[in-house]
Amino acid sequence: MNTCTNELITVVSGLPRSGTSMLMQMLDAAGYPCLTDGVRRADADNPRGYFEYEKVKQLRRDCAWLPEAKGKAVKIIVQLIPFLPLQFSYQVIFMERDISEVLASQREMLQRQGKDGGNLSDAQLHPIFERQVLEVKRLLSQRNIPMLDVAYSDALQYPMKIAEQIREFLSEDLDVCAMAAAIDPNLHRQRCGQ
């Protein structure tokens, strides 16, 4: 892509509860501009906040806000990626987390909120989430959208290495020490096998 960096929209994506908020916190700490609105406040499930932009939830029907994201990072869950219009240029940082951990985190969040988890079991949801991730990655590849995969477990275990990879991918002079310091391994509460 021969697009100026300030025209690019940096999309932080992944499944819900995969660590996308942590990734946005890392970018923010490093000095990368982030499109957020603070509407969804920090809570027990995300003690450091969600780093979301409320208008993203309407992406299926309304993308008029997307020019606001040029030159910034914006969090867009994997299920909404297919609705990104082609007239903009994107780069994607994709947070990968073990789907069993994602499901456990979602279940715990719903229980804390007193909500029902829906009609599908984890065993039914697992292949659905797996397929959604594969389909979105295929779509990004078909559209020639640059993508960096970040493993949630690697970010926790090797924060400096991941911060360097992100800085390199974004081709920006970012504070990698601040980015790495934004990671709190104590927030990794749902682990595979627990």
C-alpha atoms as a PDB file:
ATOM      1  CA  MET A   1       0.000   0.000   0.000  1.00  0.00           C
ATOM      2  CA  ASN A   2       1.347   3.383  -0.976  1.00  0.00           C
ATOM      3  CA  THR A   3      -0.781   5.219   1.528  1.00  0.00           C
ATOM      4  CA  CYS A   4       0.517   7.826   3.934  1.00  0.00           C
ATOM      5  CA  THR A   5       0.505   6.557   7.495  1.00  0.00           C
ATOM      6  CA  ASN A   6      -1.932   9.299   8.501  1.00  0.00           C
ATOM      7  CA  GLU A   7      -4.439   7.951   5.944  1.00  0.00           C
ATOM      8  CA  LEU A   8      -4.198   4.375   7.208  1.00  0.00           C
ATOM      9  CA  ILE A   9      -6.713   3.065   9.689  1.00  0.00           C
ATOM     10  CA  THR A  10      -5.072   0.713  12.170  1.00  0.00           C
ATOM     11  CA  VAL A  11      -7.614  -1.904  13.187  1.00  0.00           C
ATOM     12  CA  VAL A  12      -7.086  -3.817  16.414  1.00  0.00           C
ATOM     13  CA  SER A  13      -9.138  -6.977  16.081  1.00  0.00           C
ATOM     14  CA  GLY A  14      -9.769 -10.391  17.522  1.00  0.00           C
ATOM     15  CA  LEU A  15     -12.571 -12.287  19.164  1.00  0.00           C
ATOM     16  CA  PRO A  16     -14.362 -10.556  22.040  1.00  0.00           C
ATOM     17  CA  ARG A  17     -12.386 -11.215  25.272  1.00  0.00           C
ATOM     18  CA  SER A  18      -9.195 -12.051  23.343  1.00  0.00           C
ATOM     19  CA  GLY A  19      -7.069  -9.178  24.654  1.00  0.00           C
ATOM     20  CA  THR A  20      -7.935  -6.407  22.198  1.00  0.00           C
ATOM     21  CA  SER A  21      -8.399  -3.901  25.034  1.00  0.00           C
ATOM     22  CA  MET A  22      -4.903  -4.727  26.297  1.00  0.00           C
ATOM     23  CA  LEU A  23      -3.544  -4.184  22.799  1.00  0.00           C
ATOM     24  CA  MET A  24      -5.261  -0.786  22.585  1.00  0.00           C
ATOM     25  CA  GLN A  25      -3.795   0.107  26.006  1.00  0.00           C
ATOM     26  CA  MET A  26      -0.341  -0.817  24.722  1.00  0.00           C
ATOM     27  CA  LEU A  27      -0.707   1.434  21.677  1.00  0.00           C
ATOM     28  CA  ASP A  28      -2.074   4.282  23.777  1.00  0.00           C
ATOM     29  CA  ALA A  29       0.783   3.981  26.296  1.00  0.00           C
ATOM     30  CA  ALA A  30       3.306   4.037  23.436  1.00  0.00           C
ATOM     31  CA  GLY A  31       1.901   7.298  22.098  1.00  0.00           C
ATOM     32  CA  TYR A  32      -0.051   5.906  19.140  1.00  0.00           C
ATOM     33  CA  PRO A  33      -3.318   7.815  18.593  1.00  0.00           C
ATOM     34  CA  CYS A  34      -6.372   5.719  19.458  1.00  0.00           C
ATOM     35  CA  LEU A  35      -9.992   6.381  18.531  1.00  0.00           C
ATOM     36  CA  THR A  36     -11.960   5.806  21.737  1.00  0.00           C
ATOM     37  CA  ASP A  37     -14.812   7.582  23.481  1.00  0.00           C
ATOM     38  CA  GLY A  38     -14.770   6.308  27.079  1.00  0.00           C
ATOM     39  CA  VAL A  39     -18.472   5.390  26.920  1.00  0.00           C
ATOM     40  CA  ARG A  40     -17.855   1.855  28.166  1.00  0.00           C
ATOM     41  CA  ARG A  41     -16.189   2.300  31.524  1.00  0.00           C
ATOM     42  CA  ALA A  42     -13.670   0.084  33.273  1.00  0.00           C
ATOM     43  CA  ASP A  43     -15.233  -2.694  35.332  1.00  0.00           C
ATOM     44  CA  ALA A  44     -14.303  -5.972  37.028  1.00  0.00           C
ATOM     45  CA  ASP A  45     -13.950  -7.677  33.637  1.00  0.00           C
ATOM     46  CA  ASN A  46     -11.677  -4.995  32.181  1.00  0.00           C
ATOM     47  CA  PRO A  47     -10.224  -3.066  35.145  1.00  0.00           C
ATOM     48  CA  ARG A  48      -8.173  -0.828  32.841  1.00  0.00           C
ATOM     49  CA  GLY A  49     -11.043  -0.030  30.504  1.00  0.00           C
ATOM     50  CA  TYR A  50     -12.286  -1.220  27.142  1.00  0.00           C
ATOM     51  CA  PHE A  51     -10.735   1.392  24.822  1.00  0.00           C
ATOM     52  CA  GLU A  52     -13.734   1.241  22.505  1.00  0.00           C
ATOM     53  CA  TYR A  53     -15.490   3.632  20.166  1.00  0.00           C
ATOM     54  CA  GLU A  54     -19.248   3.179  20.474  1.00  0.00           C
ATOM     55  CA  LYS A  55     -19.972   3.906  16.794  1.00  0.00           C
ATOM     56  CA  VAL A  56     -17.997   0.795  15.791  1.00  0.00           C
ATOM     57  CA  LYS A  57     -20.927  -1.341  16.959  1.00  0.00           C
ATOM     58  CA  GLN A  58     -23.030   0.159  14.126  1.00  0.00           C
ATOM     59  CA  LEU A  59     -20.489  -0.681  11.398  1.00  0.00           C
ATOM     60  CA  ARG A  60     -22.915  -3.053   9.638  1.00  0.00           C
ATOM     61  CA  ARG A  61     -25.272  -0.122   8.972  1.00  0.00           C
ATOM     62  CA  ASP A  62     -23.166   2.999   9.326  1.00  0.00           C
ATOM     63  CA  CYS A  63     -19.538   3.626   8.430  1.00  0.00           C
ATOM     64  CA  ALA A  64     -19.744   7.425   8.175  1.00  0.00           C
ATOM     65  CA  TRP A  65     -17.483   7.699  11.237  1.00  0.00           C
ATOM     66  CA  LEU A  66     -14.561   5.789   9.654  1.00  0.00           C
ATOM     67  CA  PRO A  67     -12.712   8.908   8.393  1.00  0.00           C
ATOM     68  CA  GLU A  68     -12.283   9.822  12.090  1.00  0.00           C
ATOM     69  CA  ALA A  69     -10.110   6.698  12.417  1.00  0.00           C
ATOM     70  CA  LYS A  70      -7.549   7.721   9.783  1.00  0.00           C
ATOM     71  CA  GLY A  71      -4.098   7.797  11.343  1.00  0.00           C
ATOM     72  CA  LYS A  72      -5.414   6.129  14.505  1.00  0.00           C
ATOM     73  CA  ALA A  73      -6.024   2.719  16.011  1.00  0.00           C
ATOM     74  CA  VAL A  74      -9.602   1.580  16.488  1.00  0.00           C
ATOM     75  CA  LYS A  75     -10.864  -1.641  18.048  1.00  0.00           C
ATOM     76  CA  ILE A  76     -13.180  -3.665  15.796  1.00  0.00           C
ATOM     77  CA  ILE A  77     -14.148  -7.209  16.771  1.00  0.00           C
ATOM     78  CA  VAL A  78     -13.600  -9.976  14.242  1.00  0.00           C
ATOM     79  CA  GLN A  79     -17.323 -10.342  13.502  1.00  0.00           C
ATOM     80  CA  LEU A  80     -17.461  -6.770  12.119  1.00  0.00           C
ATOM     81  CA  ILE A  81     -14.333  -6.885   9.926  1.00  0.00           C
ATOM     82  CA  PRO A  82     -16.259  -8.022   6.801  1.00  0.00           C
ATOM     83  CA  PHE A  83     -18.232  -4.752   6.962  1.00  0.00           C
ATOM     84  CA  LEU A  84     -15.167  -2.520   6.547  1.00  0.00           C
ATOM     85  CA  PRO A  85     -15.732  -0.558   3.316  1.00  0.00           C
ATOM     86  CA  LEU A  86     -13.154  -0.937   0.566  1.00  0.00           C
ATOM     87  CA  GLN A  87     -12.597   2.799   0.010  1.00  0.00           C
ATOM     88  CA  PHE A  88     -10.319   3.085   3.054  1.00  0.00           C
ATOM     89  CA  SER A  89      -6.822   1.706   3.644  1.00  0.00           C
ATOM     90  CA  TYR A  90      -6.266  -0.504   6.663  1.00  0.00           C
ATOM     91  CA  GLN A  91      -3.615  -2.370   8.571  1.00  0.00           C
ATOM     92  CA  VAL A  92      -4.703  -4.915  11.151  1.00  0.00           C
ATOM     93  CA  ILE A  93      -3.168  -6.063  14.405  1.00  0.00           C
ATOM     94  CA  PHE A  94      -4.937  -9.320  15.184  1.00  0.00           C
ATOM     95  CA  MET A  95      -4.975 -10.588  18.760  1.00  0.00           C
ATOM     96  CA  GLU A  96      -4.990 -14.386  18.962  1.00  0.00           C
ATOM     97  CA  ARG A  97      -6.001 -16.112  22.174  1.00  0.00           C
ATOM     98  CA  ASP A  98      -6.763 -19.738  22.877  1.00  0.00           C
ATOM     99  CA  ILE A  99     -10.478 -20.058  22.129  1.00  0.00           C
ATOM    100  CA  SER A 100     -11.048 -22.061  25.322  1.00  0.00           C
ATOM    101  CA  GLU A 101      -9.735 -19.074  27.306  1.00  0.00           C
ATOM    102  CA  VAL A 102     -11.909 -16.684  25.282  1.00  0.00           C
ATOM    103  CA  LEU A 103     -14.985 -18.783  26.043  1.00  0.00           C
ATOM    104  CA  ALA A 104     -14.111 -19.025  29.753  1.00  0.00           C
ATOM    105  CA  SER A 105     -13.607 -15.253  29.915  1.00  0.00           C
ATOM    106  CA  GLN A 106     -16.923 -14.592  28.159  1.00  0.00           C
ATOM    107  CA  ARG A 107     -18.751 -17.015  30.451  1.00  0.00           C
ATOM    108  CA  GLU A 108     -17.289 -15.387  33.569  1.00  0.00           C
ATOM    109  CA  MET A 109     -18.167 -11.900  32.317  1.00  0.00           C
ATOM    110  CA  LEU A 110     -21.770 -12.914  31.583  1.00  0.00           C
ATOM    111  CA  GLN A 111     -22.101 -14.552  35.016  1.00  0.00           C
ATOM    112  CA  ARG A 112     -20.758 -11.427  36.698  1.00  0.00           C
ATOM    113  CA  GLN A 113     -23.330  -9.362  34.793  1.00  0.00           C
ATOM    114  CA  GLY A 114     -26.116 -11.801  35.684  1.00  0.00           C
ATOM    115  CA  LYS A 115     -26.760 -12.632  32.024  1.00  0.00           C
ATOM    116  CA  ASP A 116     -27.493 -15.925  30.341  1.00  0.00           C
ATOM    117  CA  GLY A 117     -24.756 -17.215  28.056  1.00  0.00           C
ATOM    118  CA  GLY A 118     -27.125 -18.099  25.233  1.00  0.00           C
ATOM    119  CA  ASN A 119     -28.229 -21.435  23.873  1.00  0.00           C
ATOM    120  CA  LEU A 120     -24.879 -22.685  22.559  1.00  0.00           C
ATOM    121  CA  SER A 121     -22.400 -24.645  24.641  1.00  0.00           C
ATOM    122  CA  ASP A 122     -18.652 -23.991  24.581  1.00  0.00           C
ATOM    123  CA  ALA A 123     -18.268 -27.138  22.464  1.00  0.00           C
ATOM    124  CA  GLN A 124     -20.663 -25.640  19.900  1.00  0.00           C
ATOM    125  CA  LEU A 125     -19.164 -22.132  20.025  1.00  0.00           C
ATOM    126  CA  HIS A 126     -15.543 -23.249  19.691  1.00  0.00           C
ATOM    127  CA  PRO A 127     -15.730 -24.272  15.995  1.00  0.00           C
ATOM    128  CA  ILE A 128     -17.886 -21.224  15.181  1.00  0.00           C
ATOM    129  CA  PHE A 129     -15.270 -18.854  16.619  1.00  0.00           C
ATOM    130  CA  GLU A 130     -12.490 -20.806  14.919  1.00  0.00           C
ATOM    131  CA  ARG A 131     -14.271 -20.492  11.563  1.00  0.00           C
ATOM    132  CA  GLN A 132     -14.919 -16.755  12.053  1.00  0.00           C
ATOM    133  CA  VAL A 133     -11.221 -16.128  12.668  1.00  0.00           C
ATOM    134  CA  LEU A 134     -10.170 -18.175   9.626  1.00  0.00           C
ATOM    135  CA  GLU A 135     -12.723 -16.479   7.368  1.00  0.00           C
ATOM    136  CA  VAL A 136     -11.654 -13.000   8.447  1.00  0.00           C
ATOM    137  CA  LYS A 137      -7.974 -13.797   7.954  1.00  0.00           C
ATOM    138  CA  ARG A 138      -8.775 -15.133   4.484  1.00  0.00           C
ATOM    139  CA  LEU A 139     -10.740 -11.951   3.718  1.00  0.00           C
ATOM    140  CA  LEU A 140      -7.886  -9.711   4.886  1.00  0.00           C
ATOM    141  CA  SER A 141      -5.474 -11.677   2.729  1.00  0.00           C
ATOM    142  CA  GLN A 142      -7.763 -11.416  -0.316  1.00  0.00           C
ATOM    143  CA  ARG A 143      -8.002  -7.654   0.192  1.00  0.00           C
ATOM    144  CA  ASN A 144      -4.198  -7.419   0.588  1.00  0.00           C
ATOM    145  CA  ILE A 145      -4.588  -5.781   3.987  1.00  0.00           C
ATOM    146  CA  PRO A 146      -1.354  -5.978   6.009  1.00  0.00           C
ATOM    147  CA  MET A 147      -1.837  -7.946   9.205  1.00  0.00           C
ATOM    148  CA  LEU A 148       0.246  -8.681  12.277  1.00  0.00           C
ATOM    149  CA  ASP A 149      -0.766 -11.656  14.415  1.00  0.00           C
ATOM    150  CA  VAL A 150      -0.124 -11.162  18.121  1.00  0.00           C
ATOM    151  CA  ALA A 151      -0.511 -14.157  20.410  1.00  0.00           C
ATOM    152  CA  TYR A 152      -2.050 -13.120  23.724  1.00  0.00           C
ATOM    153  CA  SER A 153       0.153 -15.575  25.616  1.00  0.00           C
ATOM    154  CA  ASP A 154       3.285 -14.182  23.908  1.00  0.00           C
ATOM    155  CA  ALA A 155       2.302 -10.619  24.798  1.00  0.00           C
ATOM    156  CA  LEU A 156       2.112 -11.647  28.458  1.00  0.00           C
ATOM    157  CA  GLN A 157       5.304 -13.690  28.405  1.00  0.00           C
ATOM    158  CA  TYR A 158       7.464 -11.555  26.082  1.00  0.00           C
ATOM    159  CA  PRO A 159       6.081  -8.003  26.235  1.00  0.00           C
ATOM    160  CA  MET A 160       9.217  -6.277  24.881  1.00  0.00           C
ATOM    161  CA  LYS A 161       9.467  -8.630  21.929  1.00  0.00           C
ATOM    162  CA  ILE A 162       5.803  -8.091  21.037  1.00  0.00           C
ATOM    163  CA  ALA A 163       6.117  -4.312  21.513  1.00  0.00           C
ATOM    164  CA  GLU A 164       9.054  -4.305  19.078  1.00  0.00           C
ATOM    165  CA  GLN A 165       7.074  -6.338  16.547  1.00  0.00           C
ATOM    166  CA  ILE A 166       4.171  -3.901  16.780  1.00  0.00           C
ATOM    167  CA  ARG A 167       6.466  -0.879  16.417  1.00  0.00           C
ATOM    168  CA  GLU A 168       8.084  -2.473  13.377  1.00  0.00           C
ATOM    169  CA  PHE A 169       4.727  -3.379  11.819  1.00  0.00           C
ATOM    170  CA  LEU A 170       3.358   0.135  12.289  1.00  0.00           C
ATOM    171  CA  SER A 171       6.642   1.724  11.107  1.00  0.00           C
ATOM    172  CA  GLU A 172       6.266   4.324  13.840  1.00  0.00           C
ATOM    173  CA  ASP A 173       8.662   5.694  16.438  1.00  0.00           C
ATOM    174  CA  LEU A 174       6.787   4.355  19.450  1.00  0.00           C
ATOM    175  CA  ASP A 175       7.869   4.018  23.065  1.00  0.00           C
ATOM    176  CA  VAL A 176       8.269   0.233  23.215  1.00  0.00           C
ATOM    177  CA  CYS A 177       9.123   0.311  26.929  1.00  0.00           C
ATOM    178  CA  ALA A 178       5.842   2.079  27.717  1.00  0.00           C
ATOM    179  CA  MET A 179       4.012  -0.309  25.398  1.00  0.00           C
ATOM    180  CA  ALA A 180       5.462  -3.360  27.152  1.00  0.00           C
ATOM    181  CA  ALA A 181       4.820  -1.857  30.601  1.00  0.00           C
ATOM    182  CA  ALA A 182       1.110  -1.503  29.765  1.00  0.00           C
ATOM    183  CA  ILE A 183       0.743  -5.285  29.944  1.00  0.00           C
ATOM    184  CA  ASP A 184      -0.438  -6.593  33.307  1.00  0.00           C
ATOM    185  CA  PRO A 185       0.053 -10.386  33.447  1.00  0.00           C
ATOM    186  CA  ASN A 186      -2.102 -10.472  36.603  1.00  0.00           C
ATOM    187  CA  LEU A 187      -5.132  -9.831  34.394  1.00  0.00           C
ATOM    188  CA  HIS A 188      -4.651 -13.224  32.685  1.00  0.00           C
ATOM    189  CA  ARG A 189      -7.313 -14.902  34.771  1.00  0.00           C
ATOM    190  CA  GLN A 190      -8.715 -17.512  32.383  1.00  0.00           C
ATOM    191  CA  ARG A 191      -6.006 -19.921  31.345  1.00  0.00           C
ATOM    192  CA  CYS A 192      -6.209 -22.911  29.079  1.00  0.00           C
ATOM    193  CA  GLY A 193      -6.808 -26.068  31.089  1.00  0.00           C
ATOM    194  CA  GLN A 194      -8.361 -24.344  34.109  1.00  0.00           C
END
